Amino acid sequence: MHHRSNGLSNDSALEAGYNLGRHYLTV
């Protein structure tokens, strides 16, 4: 799991989760 190409996917998932968490915190 040291593939740098997967970093983009991980970043996307993290960003989505972060936005989701913020959405729930705001509501």
PDB file of N, CA and C in Angstrom:
ATOM      1  N   MET A   1       0.843  -1.201   0.000  1.00  0.00           N
ATOM      2  CA  MET A   1       0.000   0.000   0.000  1.00  0.00           C
ATOM      3  C   MET A   1       0.873   1.245   0.000  1.00  0.00           C
ATOM      4  N   HIS A   2       2.009   1.153  -0.691  1.00  0.00           N
ATOM      5  CA  HIS A   2       2.912   2.304  -0.767  1.00  0.00           C
ATOM      6  C   HIS A   2       2.836   2.976  -2.129  1.00  0.00           C
ATOM      7  N   HIS A   3       1.748   2.672  -2.857  1.00  0.00           N
ATOM      8  CA  HIS A   3       1.603   3.272  -4.188  1.00  0.00           C
ATOM      9  C   HIS A   3       1.189   4.732  -4.045  1.00  0.00           C
ATOM     10  N   ARG A   4       1.974   5.604  -4.664  1.00  0.00           N
ATOM     11  CA  ARG A   4       1.674   7.037  -4.569  1.00  0.00           C
ATOM     12  C   ARG A   4       0.409   7.381  -5.351  1.00  0.00           C
ATOM     13  N   SER A   5       0.111   6.591  -6.381  1.00  0.00           N
ATOM     14  CA  SER A   5      -1.064   6.873  -7.204  1.00  0.00           C
ATOM     15  C   SER A   5      -2.345   6.739  -6.375  1.00  0.00           C
ATOM     16  N   ASN A   6      -2.314   5.899  -5.344  1.00  0.00           N
ATOM     17  CA  ASN A   6      -3.490   5.718  -4.498  1.00  0.00           C
ATOM     18  C   ASN A   6      -3.707   6.923  -3.590  1.00  0.00           C
ATOM     19  N   GLY A   7      -2.674   7.751  -3.458  1.00  0.00           N
ATOM     20  CA  GLY A   7      -2.788   8.926  -2.598  1.00  0.00           C
ATOM     21  C   GLY A   7      -3.926   9.819  -3.044  1.00  0.00           C
ATOM     22  N   LEU A   8      -4.121   9.908  -4.364  1.00  0.00           N
ATOM     23  CA  LEU A   8      -5.188  10.760  -4.879  1.00  0.00           C
ATOM     24  C   LEU A   8      -6.548  10.239  -4.410  1.00  0.00           C
ATOM     25  N   SER A   9      -6.735   8.930  -4.516  1.00  0.00           N
ATOM     26  CA  SER A   9      -8.002   8.337  -4.099  1.00  0.00           C
ATOM     27  C   SER A   9      -8.204   8.535  -2.595  1.00  0.00           C
ATOM     28  N   ASN A  10      -7.142   8.323  -1.837  1.00  0.00           N
ATOM     29  CA  ASN A  10      -7.234   8.495  -0.388  1.00  0.00           C
ATOM     30  C   ASN A  10      -7.570   9.938  -0.045  1.00  0.00           C
ATOM     31  N   ASP A  11      -6.931  10.877  -0.746  1.00  0.00           N
ATOM     32  CA  ASP A  11      -7.206  12.291  -0.498  1.00  0.00           C
ATOM     33  C   ASP A  11      -8.670  12.597  -0.788  1.00  0.00           C
ATOM     34  N   SER A  12      -9.190  12.008  -1.853  1.00  0.00           N
ATOM     35  CA  SER A  12     -10.587  12.249  -2.221  1.00  0.00           C
ATOM     36  C   SER A  12     -11.506  11.713  -1.127  1.00  0.00           C
ATOM     37  N   ALA A  13     -11.222  10.525  -0.647  1.00  0.00           N
ATOM     38  CA  ALA A  13     -12.047   9.915   0.391  1.00  0.00           C
ATOM     39  C   ALA A  13     -11.954  10.738   1.676  1.00  0.00           C
ATOM     40  N   LEU A  14     -10.750  11.174   2.002  1.00  0.00           N
ATOM     41  CA  LEU A  14     -10.562  11.979   3.203  1.00  0.00           C
ATOM     42  C   LEU A  14     -11.313  13.298   3.087  1.00  0.00           C
ATOM     43  N   GLU A  15     -11.204  13.898   1.912  1.00  0.00           N
ATOM     44  CA  GLU A  15     -11.891  15.177   1.697  1.00  0.00           C
ATOM     45  C   GLU A  15     -13.405  14.993   1.810  1.00  0.00           C
ATOM     46  N   ALA A  16     -13.906  13.919   1.215  1.00  0.00           N
ATOM     47  CA  ALA A  16     -15.342  13.652   1.267  1.00  0.00           C
ATOM     48  C   ALA A  16     -15.780  13.416   2.712  1.00  0.00           C
ATOM     49  N   GLY A  17     -15.012  12.627   3.441  1.00  0.00           N
ATOM     50  CA  GLY A  17     -15.336  12.351   4.842  1.00  0.00           C
ATOM     51  C   GLY A  17     -15.261  13.614   5.680  1.00  0.00           C
ATOM     52  N   TYR A  18     -14.267  14.447   5.388  1.00  0.00           N
ATOM     53  CA  TYR A  18     -14.108  15.701   6.124  1.00  0.00           C
ATOM     54  C   TYR A  18     -15.303  16.610   5.890  1.00  0.00           C
ATOM     55  N   ASN A  19     -15.696  16.722   4.625  1.00  0.00           N
ATOM     56  CA  ASN A  19     -16.847  17.564   4.282  1.00  0.00           C
ATOM     57  C   ASN A  19     -18.119  17.002   4.902  1.00  0.00           C
ATOM     58  N   LEU A  20     -18.233  15.680   4.895  1.00  0.00           N
ATOM     59  CA  LEU A  20     -19.404  15.035   5.477  1.00  0.00           C
ATOM     60  C   LEU A  20     -19.460  15.321   6.978  1.00  0.00           C
ATOM     61  N   GLY A  21     -18.321  15.194   7.638  1.00  0.00           N
ATOM     62  CA  GLY A  21     -18.259  15.449   9.075  1.00  0.00           C
ATOM     63  C   GLY A  21     -18.621  16.888   9.380  1.00  0.00           C
ATOM     64  N   ARG A  22     -18.108  17.813   8.589  1.00  0.00           N
ATOM     65  CA  ARG A  22     -18.419  19.222   8.798  1.00  0.00           C
ATOM     66  C   ARG A  22     -19.904  19.470   8.590  1.00  0.00           C
ATOM     67  N   HIS A  23     -20.468  18.795   7.591  1.00  0.00           N
ATOM     68  CA  HIS A  23     -21.899  18.963   7.294  1.00  0.00           C
ATOM     69  C   HIS A  23     -22.729  18.536   8.508  1.00  0.00           C
ATOM     70  N   TYR A  24     -22.373  17.402   9.085  1.00  0.00           N
ATOM     71  CA  TYR A  24     -23.131  16.900  10.232  1.00  0.00           C
ATOM     72  C   TYR A  24     -22.921  17.789  11.452  1.00  0.00           C
ATOM     73  N   LEU A  25     -21.701  18.329  11.583  1.00  0.00           N
ATOM     74  CA  LEU A  25     -21.417  19.206  12.720  1.00  0.00           C
ATOM     75  C   LEU A  25     -22.181  20.510  12.589  1.00  0.00           C
ATOM     76  N   THR A  26     -22.346  20.978  11.338  1.00  0.00           N
ATOM     77  CA  THR A  26     -23.053  22.239  11.127  1.00  0.00           C
ATOM     78  C   THR A  26     -24.550  22.048  11.358  1.00  0.00           C
ATOM     79  N   VAL A  27     -25.067  20.868  10.986  1.00  0.00           N
ATOM     80  CA  VAL A  27     -26.488  20.594  11.175  1.00  0.00           C
ATOM     81  C   VAL A  27     -26.717  20.218  12.641  1.00  0.00           C
TER      82      VAL A  27
END
